[in-house]
Protein backbone atom coordinates (compact mmCIF):
# COMPACT_ATOMS: atom_id res chain seq x y z
CA UNK A 1 -142.55 -77.26 -16.50
CA UNK A 2 -143.96 -76.12 -19.93
CA UNK A 3 -140.28 -76.65 -21.45
CA UNK A 4 -140.28 -80.29 -20.35
CA UNK A 5 -143.91 -80.87 -21.93
CA UNK A 6 -142.65 -79.42 -25.21
CA UNK A 7 -139.51 -81.59 -25.17
CA UNK A 8 -141.49 -84.55 -24.56
CA UNK A 9 -143.95 -83.66 -27.26
CA UNK A 10 -141.36 -82.93 -29.77
CA UNK A 11 -139.59 -86.37 -29.05
CA UNK A 12 -143.14 -88.07 -29.71
CA UNK A 13 -143.48 -86.16 -32.95
CA UNK A 14 -139.85 -86.77 -34.30
CA UNK A 15 -139.79 -90.50 -33.09
CA UNK A 16 -141.70 -91.90 -36.19
CA UNK A 17 -139.65 -89.71 -38.57
CA UNK A 18 -136.58 -90.98 -37.04
CA UNK A 19 -137.45 -94.45 -37.31
CA UNK A 20 -138.78 -94.35 -40.89
CA UNK A 21 -135.50 -92.52 -41.79
CA UNK A 22 -133.57 -95.46 -40.25
CA UNK A 23 -135.55 -98.20 -42.19
CA UNK A 24 -134.83 -96.36 -45.45
CA UNK A 25 -131.06 -96.17 -44.57
CA UNK A 26 -131.21 -100.01 -44.13
CA UNK A 27 -131.50 -100.26 -47.85
CA UNK A 28 -128.77 -98.03 -48.99
CA UNK A 29 -125.96 -100.34 -50.06
CA UNK A 30 -125.44 -104.17 -50.33
CA UNK A 31 -122.33 -106.07 -51.30
CA UNK A 32 -122.91 -109.45 -52.65
CA UNK A 33 -120.37 -112.00 -53.27
CA UNK A 34 -120.82 -114.21 -56.38
CA UNK A 35 -118.49 -116.94 -57.83
CA UNK A 36 -116.58 -115.66 -60.71
CA UNK A 37 -118.13 -117.94 -63.10
CA UNK A 38 -121.43 -116.54 -62.50
CA UNK A 39 -121.57 -113.92 -65.22
CA UNK A 40 -122.98 -113.91 -68.64
CA UNK A 41 -122.95 -111.63 -71.48
CA UNK A 42 -126.03 -109.19 -72.03
CA UNK A 43 -126.96 -106.51 -74.32
CA UNK A 44 -124.53 -103.46 -73.82
CA UNK A 45 -123.14 -104.99 -70.69
CA UNK A 46 -123.10 -108.33 -68.54
CA UNK A 47 -125.14 -109.92 -65.83
CA UNK A 48 -124.01 -111.41 -62.45
CA UNK A 49 -126.15 -114.03 -60.86
CA UNK A 50 -126.51 -116.39 -58.17
CA UNK A 51 -129.21 -119.21 -57.78
CA UNK A 52 -130.98 -120.28 -54.35
CA UNK A 53 -133.00 -123.52 -53.97
CA UNK A 54 -136.79 -122.71 -54.14
CA UNK A 55 -138.90 -123.78 -51.21
CA UNK A 56 -141.91 -124.49 -53.57
CA UNK A 57 -141.55 -128.24 -54.64
CA UNK A 58 -142.89 -127.40 -58.06
CA UNK A 59 -139.53 -125.43 -58.76
CA UNK A 60 -135.87 -126.44 -58.35
CA UNK A 61 -134.06 -122.94 -58.03
CA UNK A 62 -134.72 -119.28 -58.42
CA UNK A 63 -131.81 -117.39 -60.07
CA UNK A 64 -131.50 -113.51 -59.30
CA UNK A 65 -129.84 -111.27 -62.00
CA UNK A 66 -127.70 -108.07 -61.56
CA UNK A 67 -126.90 -105.89 -64.68
CA UNK A 68 -123.43 -104.51 -65.11
CA UNK A 69 -123.72 -101.92 -68.01
CA UNK A 70 -121.01 -100.76 -70.27
CA UNK A 71 -119.82 -97.06 -69.58
CA UNK A 72 -120.32 -96.21 -73.39
CA UNK A 73 -121.78 -97.93 -76.54
CA UNK A 74 -118.64 -99.50 -77.30
CA UNK A 75 -117.66 -103.03 -75.96
CA UNK A 76 -115.65 -103.29 -72.79
CA UNK A 77 -114.47 -106.28 -71.11
CA UNK A 78 -116.08 -107.31 -67.79
CA UNK A 79 -112.59 -106.91 -66.26
CA UNK A 80 -112.07 -103.43 -67.37
CA UNK A 81 -115.57 -102.29 -65.83
CA UNK A 82 -114.74 -103.38 -62.50
CA UNK A 83 -112.28 -102.07 -59.88
CA UNK A 84 -109.95 -104.24 -57.74
CA UNK A 85 -110.70 -104.13 -54.14
CA UNK A 86 -109.60 -105.51 -50.68
CA UNK A 87 -112.46 -107.49 -49.77
CA UNK A 88 -111.59 -106.92 -46.09
CA UNK A 89 -112.20 -103.07 -46.35
CA UNK A 90 -116.21 -103.86 -46.93
CA UNK A 91 -119.02 -105.62 -45.47
CA UNK A 92 -120.22 -108.09 -48.01
CA UNK A 93 -122.71 -111.00 -47.89
CA UNK A 94 -122.73 -114.32 -49.45
CA UNK A 95 -126.32 -115.01 -50.82
CA UNK A 96 -126.83 -118.54 -49.86
CA UNK A 97 -126.19 -117.89 -46.30
CA UNK A 98 -127.90 -114.53 -45.95
CA UNK A 99 -130.94 -115.06 -47.92
CA UNK A 100 -131.72 -118.74 -46.92
CA UNK A 101 -134.76 -118.12 -44.75
CA UNK A 102 -136.17 -115.55 -47.22
CA UNK A 103 -139.16 -116.46 -49.74
CA UNK A 104 -138.67 -115.62 -53.38
CA UNK A 105 -141.16 -112.77 -53.13
CA UNK A 106 -139.31 -111.32 -50.11
CA UNK A 107 -136.06 -111.63 -51.48
CA UNK A 108 -137.24 -109.98 -54.56
CA UNK A 109 -138.76 -107.06 -52.86
CA UNK A 110 -135.48 -106.60 -50.52
CA UNK A 111 -133.40 -106.55 -53.62
CA UNK A 112 -135.52 -104.00 -55.54
CA UNK A 113 -135.35 -101.54 -52.34
CA UNK A 114 -131.56 -101.17 -52.36
CA UNK A 115 -130.27 -97.93 -53.61
CA UNK A 116 -126.79 -99.29 -54.67
CA UNK A 117 -125.86 -102.79 -55.35
CA UNK A 118 -122.21 -103.99 -55.58
CA UNK A 119 -121.10 -107.33 -57.08
CA UNK A 120 -117.76 -108.75 -55.86
CA UNK A 121 -116.06 -111.80 -57.03
CA UNK A 122 -112.34 -113.21 -56.98
CA UNK A 123 -109.95 -111.97 -59.79
CA UNK A 124 -108.78 -114.82 -61.88
CA UNK A 125 -105.18 -115.86 -61.43
CA UNK A 126 -104.07 -114.49 -64.85
CA UNK A 127 -105.40 -111.12 -63.93
CA UNK A 128 -103.82 -110.75 -60.71
CA UNK A 129 -101.74 -107.66 -60.36
CA UNK A 130 -100.04 -105.76 -57.47
CA UNK A 131 -101.93 -102.52 -56.71
CA UNK A 132 -100.00 -99.99 -54.79
CA UNK A 133 -97.59 -102.75 -52.93
CA UNK A 134 -100.56 -105.07 -52.19
CA UNK A 135 -102.03 -107.84 -53.98
CA UNK A 136 -105.76 -107.08 -54.45
CA UNK A 137 -107.57 -110.62 -55.32
CA UNK A 138 -111.25 -109.23 -55.59
CA UNK A 139 -112.85 -107.11 -58.18
CA UNK A 140 -116.16 -105.05 -57.79
CA UNK A 141 -118.80 -103.53 -59.84
CA UNK A 142 -121.74 -101.24 -59.10
CA UNK A 143 -124.73 -103.17 -60.62
CA UNK A 144 -128.59 -102.86 -60.64
CA UNK A 145 -130.95 -105.47 -59.71
CA UNK A 146 -132.51 -107.14 -62.99
CA UNK A 147 -134.94 -109.53 -61.62
CA UNK A 148 -135.51 -113.22 -61.05
CA UNK A 149 -136.14 -116.32 -63.28
CA UNK A 150 -137.11 -119.72 -61.93
CA UNK A 151 -135.33 -123.09 -63.22
CA UNK A 152 -132.67 -121.44 -65.29
CA UNK A 153 -129.15 -123.42 -65.48
CA UNK A 154 -126.44 -121.71 -67.45
CA UNK A 155 -124.07 -123.72 -69.31
CA UNK A 156 -120.53 -122.73 -70.54
CA UNK A 157 -119.19 -124.82 -73.34
CA UNK A 158 -115.89 -122.98 -73.48
CA UNK A 159 -114.91 -123.47 -69.82
CA UNK A 160 -113.49 -119.96 -69.76
CA UNK A 161 -114.89 -117.34 -67.43
CA UNK A 162 -115.76 -113.80 -68.71
CA UNK A 163 -113.24 -112.03 -66.39
CA UNK A 164 -110.42 -113.87 -68.24
CA UNK A 165 -110.95 -112.00 -71.53
């Protein structure tokens, strides 16, 4: 009888620890798909971004940024910092669908909690190469969440995307 009581008590004591660990693991990795023209240059790196319509009528949109750093102090192209990937091998999200019901504050908090953030996009046609017998059409970078800004619109006067360099 004592053994059964001890097992039940042990289960009660360990239950909160298990559930807390499960919540923490929820924010381990996230793979975010962005369009390949949603990259801008930054100091010693690049930023990927996506925008979402703001629910507050005083603002049009919130733009969320993710920093992709050079691996050294020397210039490196955005393409060279990434790694071609088979997009079917990962579970990724599209931000407009995945975050549509979240407020700006909730989304900012959630993105801040992830331990590792990966940005995925399409490889431009001029950069497509066969990799080990298969054509990989997407590229991935590890990034860090760099915050959000309201009502910013980026314009590209050249029409070229950074991945083409």
